[in-house]
């Protein structure tokens, strides 16, 4: 369950990078980029702890 929440949140943060950053206020751009960086670090940590193993097996990514 943790892995799915982390993965869904990471995907949402990745999609938020498509916001028009030229027309958005600076604080919003900083918030979006910070959110994405924090989630990338959390995703990396979840992979180290083994939380992502079940999802990797389902998607057959571990064979690469």
PDB file of N, CA and C in Angstrom:
ATOM      1  N   UNK A   1       0.825  -1.190   0.000  1.00  0.00           N
ATOM      2  CA  UNK A   1       0.000   0.000   0.000  1.00  0.00           C
ATOM      3  C   UNK A   1       0.873   1.260   0.000  1.00  0.00           C
ATOM      4  N   UNK A   2       1.953   1.227   0.782  1.00  0.00           N
ATOM      5  CA  UNK A   2       2.847   2.380   0.823  1.00  0.00           C
ATOM      6  C   UNK A   2       3.434   2.647  -0.552  1.00  0.00           C
ATOM      7  N   UNK A   3       3.855   1.582  -1.202  1.00  0.00           N
ATOM      8  CA  UNK A   3       4.495   1.733  -2.509  1.00  0.00           C
ATOM      9  C   UNK A   3       3.531   2.323  -3.527  1.00  0.00           C
ATOM     10  N   UNK A   4       2.286   1.890  -3.497  1.00  0.00           N
ATOM     11  CA  UNK A   4       1.308   2.413  -4.454  1.00  0.00           C
ATOM     12  C   UNK A   4       1.038   3.889  -4.207  1.00  0.00           C
ATOM     13  N   UNK A   5       0.938   4.292  -2.946  1.00  0.00           N
ATOM     14  CA  UNK A   5       0.720   5.706  -2.633  1.00  0.00           C
ATOM     15  C   UNK A   5       1.910   6.556  -3.063  1.00  0.00           C
ATOM     16  N   UNK A   6       3.112   6.061  -2.821  1.00  0.00           N
ATOM     17  CA  UNK A   6       4.308   6.798  -3.218  1.00  0.00           C
ATOM     18  C   UNK A   6       4.370   6.917  -4.734  1.00  0.00           C
ATOM     19  N   UNK A   7       4.078   5.828  -5.433  1.00  0.00           N
ATOM     20  CA  UNK A   7       4.124   5.839  -6.894  1.00  0.00           C
ATOM     21  C   UNK A   7       3.055   6.756  -7.485  1.00  0.00           C
ATOM     22  N   UNK A   8       1.856   6.723  -6.950  1.00  0.00           N
ATOM     23  CA  UNK A   8       0.779   7.599  -7.432  1.00  0.00           C
ATOM     24  C   UNK A   8       1.124   9.057  -7.178  1.00  0.00           C
ATOM     25  N   UNK A   9       1.660   9.345  -6.000  1.00  0.00           N
ATOM     26  CA  UNK A   9       2.037  10.718  -5.682  1.00  0.00           C
ATOM     27  C   UNK A   9       3.173  11.188  -6.580  1.00  0.00           C
ATOM     28  N   UNK A  10       4.126  10.294  -6.887  1.00  0.00           N
ATOM     29  CA  UNK A  10       5.215  10.659  -7.785  1.00  0.00           C
ATOM     30  C   UNK A  10       4.680  10.960  -9.184  1.00  0.00           C
ATOM     31  N   UNK A  11       3.744  10.148  -9.660  1.00  0.00           N
ATOM     32  CA  UNK A  11       3.166  10.384 -10.981  1.00  0.00           C
ATOM     33  C   UNK A  11       2.413  11.717 -11.028  1.00  0.00           C
ATOM     34  N   UNK A  12       1.701  12.039  -9.955  1.00  0.00           N
ATOM     35  CA  UNK A  12       1.006  13.328  -9.896  1.00  0.00           C
ATOM     36  C   UNK A  12       1.992  14.488  -9.885  1.00  0.00           C
ATOM     37  N   UNK A  13       3.090  14.336  -9.146  1.00  0.00           N
ATOM     38  CA  UNK A  13       4.090  15.405  -9.124  1.00  0.00           C
ATOM     39  C   UNK A  13       4.767  15.534 -10.488  1.00  0.00           C
ATOM     40  N   UNK A  14       4.960  14.414 -11.192  1.00  0.00           N
ATOM     41  CA  UNK A  14       5.540  14.460 -12.531  1.00  0.00           C
ATOM     42  C   UNK A  14       4.598  15.184 -13.488  1.00  0.00           C
ATOM     43  N   UNK A  15       3.304  14.910 -13.381  1.00  0.00           N
ATOM     44  CA  UNK A  15       2.326  15.572 -14.246  1.00  0.00           C
ATOM     45  C   UNK A  15       2.224  17.065 -13.927  1.00  0.00           C
ATOM     46  N   UNK A  16       2.464  17.430 -12.679  1.00  0.00           N
ATOM     47  CA  UNK A  16       2.369  18.843 -12.317  1.00  0.00           C
ATOM     48  C   UNK A  16       3.491  19.670 -12.933  1.00  0.00           C
ATOM     49  N   UNK A  17       4.562  19.013 -13.395  1.00  0.00           N
ATOM     50  CA  UNK A  17       5.633  19.745 -14.063  1.00  0.00           C
ATOM     51  C   UNK A  17       5.196  20.293 -15.415  1.00  0.00           C
ATOM     52  N   UNK A  18       4.052  19.843 -15.911  1.00  0.00           N
ATOM     53  CA  UNK A  18       3.565  20.338 -17.198  1.00  0.00           C
ATOM     54  C   UNK A  18       2.805  21.663 -17.073  1.00  0.00           C
ATOM     55  N   UNK A  19       2.709  22.197 -15.886  1.00  0.00           N
ATOM     56  CA  UNK A  19       2.052  23.483 -15.666  1.00  0.00           C
ATOM     57  C   UNK A  19       2.844  24.574 -16.388  1.00  0.00           C
ATOM     58  N   UNK A  20       2.162  25.532 -16.959  1.00  0.00           N
ATOM     59  CA  UNK A  20       2.834  26.630 -17.647  1.00  0.00           C
ATOM     60  C   UNK A  20       3.601  27.456 -16.618  1.00  0.00           C
ATOM     61  N   UNK A  21       4.896  27.227 -16.556  1.00  0.00           N
ATOM     62  CA  UNK A  21       5.702  27.849 -15.511  1.00  0.00           C
ATOM     63  C   UNK A  21       6.058  29.295 -15.820  1.00  0.00           C
ATOM     64  N   UNK A  22       5.867  29.730 -17.047  1.00  0.00           N
ATOM     65  CA  UNK A  22       6.150  31.128 -17.381  1.00  0.00           C
ATOM     66  C   UNK A  22       5.047  32.044 -16.868  1.00  0.00           C
ATOM     67  N   UNK A  23       3.835  31.543 -16.808  1.00  0.00           N
ATOM     68  CA  UNK A  23       2.704  32.380 -16.372  1.00  0.00           C
ATOM     69  C   UNK A  23       2.356  32.181 -14.901  1.00  0.00           C
ATOM     70  N   UNK A  24       2.934  31.167 -14.280  1.00  0.00           N
ATOM     71  CA  UNK A  24       2.642  30.886 -12.877  1.00  0.00           C
ATOM     72  C   UNK A  24       3.527  31.750 -11.981  1.00  0.00           C
ATOM     73  N   UNK A  25       3.055  32.033 -10.764  1.00  0.00           N
ATOM     74  CA  UNK A  25       3.902  32.787  -9.832  1.00  0.00           C
ATOM     75  C   UNK A  25       5.134  31.964  -9.428  1.00  0.00           C
ATOM     76  N   UNK A  26       6.171  32.659  -9.043  1.00  0.00           N
ATOM     77  CA  UNK A  26       7.436  32.012  -8.706  1.00  0.00           C
ATOM     78  C   UNK A  26       7.277  31.022  -7.557  1.00  0.00           C
ATOM     79  N   UNK A  27       6.477  31.370  -6.548  1.00  0.00           N
ATOM     80  CA  UNK A  27       6.318  30.478  -5.401  1.00  0.00           C
ATOM     81  C   UNK A  27       5.664  29.163  -5.816  1.00  0.00           C
ATOM     82  N   UNK A  28       4.777  29.209  -6.803  1.00  0.00           N
ATOM     83  CA  UNK A  28       4.121  27.986  -7.271  1.00  0.00           C
ATOM     84  C   UNK A  28       5.111  27.098  -8.029  1.00  0.00           C
ATOM     85  N   UNK A  29       5.962  27.705  -8.820  1.00  0.00           N
ATOM     86  CA  UNK A  29       6.971  26.943  -9.562  1.00  0.00           C
ATOM     87  C   UNK A  29       7.946  26.285  -8.591  1.00  0.00           C
ATOM     88  N   UNK A  30       8.391  27.026  -7.597  1.00  0.00           N
ATOM     89  CA  UNK A  30       9.308  26.473  -6.597  1.00  0.00           C
ATOM     90  C   UNK A  30       8.643  25.334  -5.843  1.00  0.00           C
ATOM     91  N   UNK A  31       7.383  25.485  -5.506  1.00  0.00           N
ATOM     92  CA  UNK A  31       6.647  24.438  -4.791  1.00  0.00           C
ATOM     93  C   UNK A  31       6.528  23.163  -5.644  1.00  0.00           C
ATOM     94  N   UNK A  32       6.218  23.307  -6.908  1.00  0.00           N
ATOM     95  CA  UNK A  32       6.066  22.151  -7.801  1.00  0.00           C
ATOM     96  C   UNK A  32       7.397  21.420  -7.972  1.00  0.00           C
ATOM     97  N   UNK A  33       8.456  22.153  -8.199  1.00  0.00           N
ATOM     98  CA  UNK A  33       9.772  21.532  -8.385  1.00  0.00           C
ATOM     99  C   UNK A  33      10.238  20.871  -7.093  1.00  0.00           C
ATOM    100  N   UNK A  34      10.009  21.510  -5.957  1.00  0.00           N
ATOM    101  CA  UNK A  34      10.389  20.936  -4.664  1.00  0.00           C
ATOM    102  C   UNK A  34       9.594  19.666  -4.395  1.00  0.00           C
ATOM    103  N   UNK A  35       8.306  19.683  -4.703  1.00  0.00           N
ATOM    104  CA  UNK A  35       7.458  18.502  -4.516  1.00  0.00           C
ATOM    105  C   UNK A  35       7.992  17.331  -5.340  1.00  0.00           C
ATOM    106  N   UNK A  36       8.364  17.598  -6.591  1.00  0.00           N
ATOM    107  CA  UNK A  36       8.885  16.544  -7.460  1.00  0.00           C
ATOM    108  C   UNK A  36      10.218  16.003  -6.939  1.00  0.00           C
ATOM    109  N   UNK A  37      11.111  16.875  -6.521  1.00  0.00           N
ATOM    110  CA  UNK A  37      12.422  16.433  -6.021  1.00  0.00           C
ATOM    111  C   UNK A  37      12.257  15.599  -4.746  1.00  0.00           C
ATOM    112  N   UNK A  38      11.397  16.047  -3.836  1.00  0.00           N
ATOM    113  CA  UNK A  38      11.167  15.291  -2.597  1.00  0.00           C
ATOM    114  C   UNK A  38      10.582  13.914  -2.888  1.00  0.00           C
ATOM    115  N   UNK A  39       9.663  13.843  -3.822  1.00  0.00           N
ATOM    116  CA  UNK A  39       9.070  12.551  -4.166  1.00  0.00           C
ATOM    117  C   UNK A  39      10.062  11.645  -4.866  1.00  0.00           C
ATOM    118  N   UNK A  40      10.970  12.205  -5.650  1.00  0.00           N
ATOM    119  CA  UNK A  40      12.023  11.378  -6.275  1.00  0.00           C
ATOM    120  C   UNK A  40      12.916  10.773  -5.198  1.00  0.00           C
ATOM    121  N   UNK A  41      13.269  11.566  -4.194  1.00  0.00           N
ATOM    122  CA  UNK A  41      14.086  11.048  -3.097  1.00  0.00           C
ATOM    123  C   UNK A  41      13.331   9.992  -2.293  1.00  0.00           C
ATOM    124  N   UNK A  42      12.045  10.212  -2.061  1.00  0.00           N
ATOM    125  CA  UNK A  42      11.228   9.238  -1.343  1.00  0.00           C
ATOM    126  C   UNK A  42      11.080   7.942  -2.136  1.00  0.00           C
ATOM    127  N   UNK A  43      10.924   8.052  -3.442  1.00  0.00           N
ATOM    128  CA  UNK A  43      10.821   6.876  -4.298  1.00  0.00           C
ATOM    129  C   UNK A  43      12.128   6.083  -4.287  1.00  0.00           C
ATOM    130  N   UNK A  44      13.233   6.779  -4.298  1.00  0.00           N
ATOM    131  CA  UNK A  44      14.541   6.121  -4.233  1.00  0.00           C
ATOM    132  C   UNK A  44      14.719   5.407  -2.894  1.00  0.00           C
ATOM    133  N   UNK A  45      14.302   6.037  -1.809  1.00  0.00           N
ATOM    134  CA  UNK A  45      14.390   5.436  -0.477  1.00  0.00           C
ATOM    135  C   UNK A  45      13.459   4.226  -0.359  1.00  0.00           C
ATOM    136  N   UNK A  46      12.278   4.319  -0.947  1.00  0.00           N
ATOM    137  CA  UNK A  46      11.335   3.193  -0.906  1.00  0.00           C
ATOM    138  C   UNK A  46      11.889   1.999  -1.668  1.00  0.00           C
ATOM    139  N   UNK A  47      12.611   2.268  -2.732  1.00  0.00           N
ATOM    140  CA  UNK A  47      13.224   1.174  -3.486  1.00  0.00           C
ATOM    141  C   UNK A  47      14.324   0.509  -2.666  1.00  0.00           C
ATOM    142  N   UNK A  48      15.099   1.292  -1.933  1.00  0.00           N
ATOM    143  CA  UNK A  48      16.152   0.731  -1.090  1.00  0.00           C
ATOM    144  C   UNK A  48      15.579  -0.145   0.026  1.00  0.00           C
ATOM    145  N   UNK A  49      14.447   0.274   0.592  1.00  0.00           N
ATOM    146  CA  UNK A  49      13.839  -0.462   1.698  1.00  0.00           C
ATOM    147  C   UNK A  49      13.066  -1.690   1.224  1.00  0.00           C
ATOM    148  N   UNK A  50      12.863  -1.811  -0.079  1.00  0.00           N
ATOM    149  CA  UNK A  50      12.184  -2.982  -0.611  1.00  0.00           C
ATOM    150  C   UNK A  50      10.677  -2.848  -0.711  1.00  0.00           C
ATOM    151  N   UNK A  51      10.149  -1.653  -0.526  1.00  0.00           N
ATOM    152  CA  UNK A  51       8.704  -1.452  -0.602  1.00  0.00           C
ATOM    153  C   UNK A  51       8.201  -1.603  -2.035  1.00  0.00           C
ATOM    154  N   UNK A  52       9.070  -1.390  -3.009  1.00  0.00           N
ATOM    155  CA  UNK A  52       8.664  -1.403  -4.417  1.00  0.00           C
ATOM    156  C   UNK A  52       8.793  -2.780  -5.061  1.00  0.00           C
ATOM    157  N   UNK A  53       9.281  -3.768  -4.333  1.00  0.00           N
ATOM    158  CA  UNK A  53       9.540  -5.089  -4.921  1.00  0.00           C
ATOM    159  C   UNK A  53       8.289  -5.722  -5.523  1.00  0.00           C
ATOM    160  N   UNK A  54       7.164  -5.633  -4.836  1.00  0.00           N
ATOM    161  CA  UNK A  54       5.925  -6.247  -5.325  1.00  0.00           C
ATOM    162  C   UNK A  54       5.471  -5.593  -6.632  1.00  0.00           C
ATOM    163  N   UNK A  55       5.574  -4.273  -6.700  1.00  0.00           N
ATOM    164  CA  UNK A  55       5.171  -3.564  -7.915  1.00  0.00           C
ATOM    165  C   UNK A  55       6.124  -3.882  -9.056  1.00  0.00           C
ATOM    166  N   UNK A  56       7.403  -3.953  -8.763  1.00  0.00           N
ATOM    167  CA  UNK A  56       8.383  -4.298  -9.800  1.00  0.00           C
ATOM    168  C   UNK A  56       8.146  -5.684 -10.360  1.00  0.00           C
ATOM    169  N   UNK A  57       7.757  -6.625  -9.504  1.00  0.00           N
ATOM    170  CA  UNK A  57       7.463  -7.975  -9.973  1.00  0.00           C
ATOM    171  C   UNK A  57       6.202  -8.011 -10.816  1.00  0.00           C
ATOM    172  N   UNK A  58       5.187  -7.231 -10.427  1.00  0.00           N
ATOM    173  CA  UNK A  58       3.935  -7.184 -11.192  1.00  0.00           C
ATOM    174  C   UNK A  58       4.173  -6.620 -12.594  1.00  0.00           C
ATOM    175  N   UNK A  59       5.011  -5.610 -12.683  1.00  0.00           N
ATOM    176  CA  UNK A  59       5.288  -4.975 -13.971  1.00  0.00           C
ATOM    177  C   UNK A  59       6.432  -5.647 -14.715  1.00  0.00           C
ATOM    178  N   UNK A  60       7.052  -6.647 -14.080  1.00  0.00           N
ATOM    179  CA  UNK A  60       8.179  -7.401 -14.654  1.00  0.00           C
ATOM    180  C   UNK A  60       9.327  -6.492 -15.040  1.00  0.00           C
ATOM    181  N   UNK A  61       9.580  -5.486 -14.215  1.00  0.00           N
ATOM    182  CA  UNK A  61      10.677  -4.557 -14.450  1.00  0.00           C
ATOM    183  C   UNK A  61      11.970  -5.105 -13.859  1.00  0.00           C
ATOM    184  N   UNK A  62      11.873  -6.008 -12.900  1.00  0.00           N
ATOM    185  CA  UNK A  62      13.070  -6.508 -12.234  1.00  0.00           C
ATOM    186  C   UNK A  62      13.933  -7.371 -13.136  1.00  0.00           C
ATOM    187  N   UNK A  63      13.447  -7.732 -14.302  1.00  0.00           N
ATOM    188  CA  UNK A  63      14.215  -8.570 -15.223  1.00  0.00           C
ATOM    189  C   UNK A  63      15.202  -7.771 -16.038  1.00  0.00           C
ATOM    190  N   UNK A  64      15.124  -6.454 -15.997  1.00  0.00           N
ATOM    191  CA  UNK A  64      16.011  -5.623 -16.824  1.00  0.00           C
ATOM    192  C   UNK A  64      17.416  -5.636 -16.331  1.00  0.00           C
TER     193      UNK A  64
END
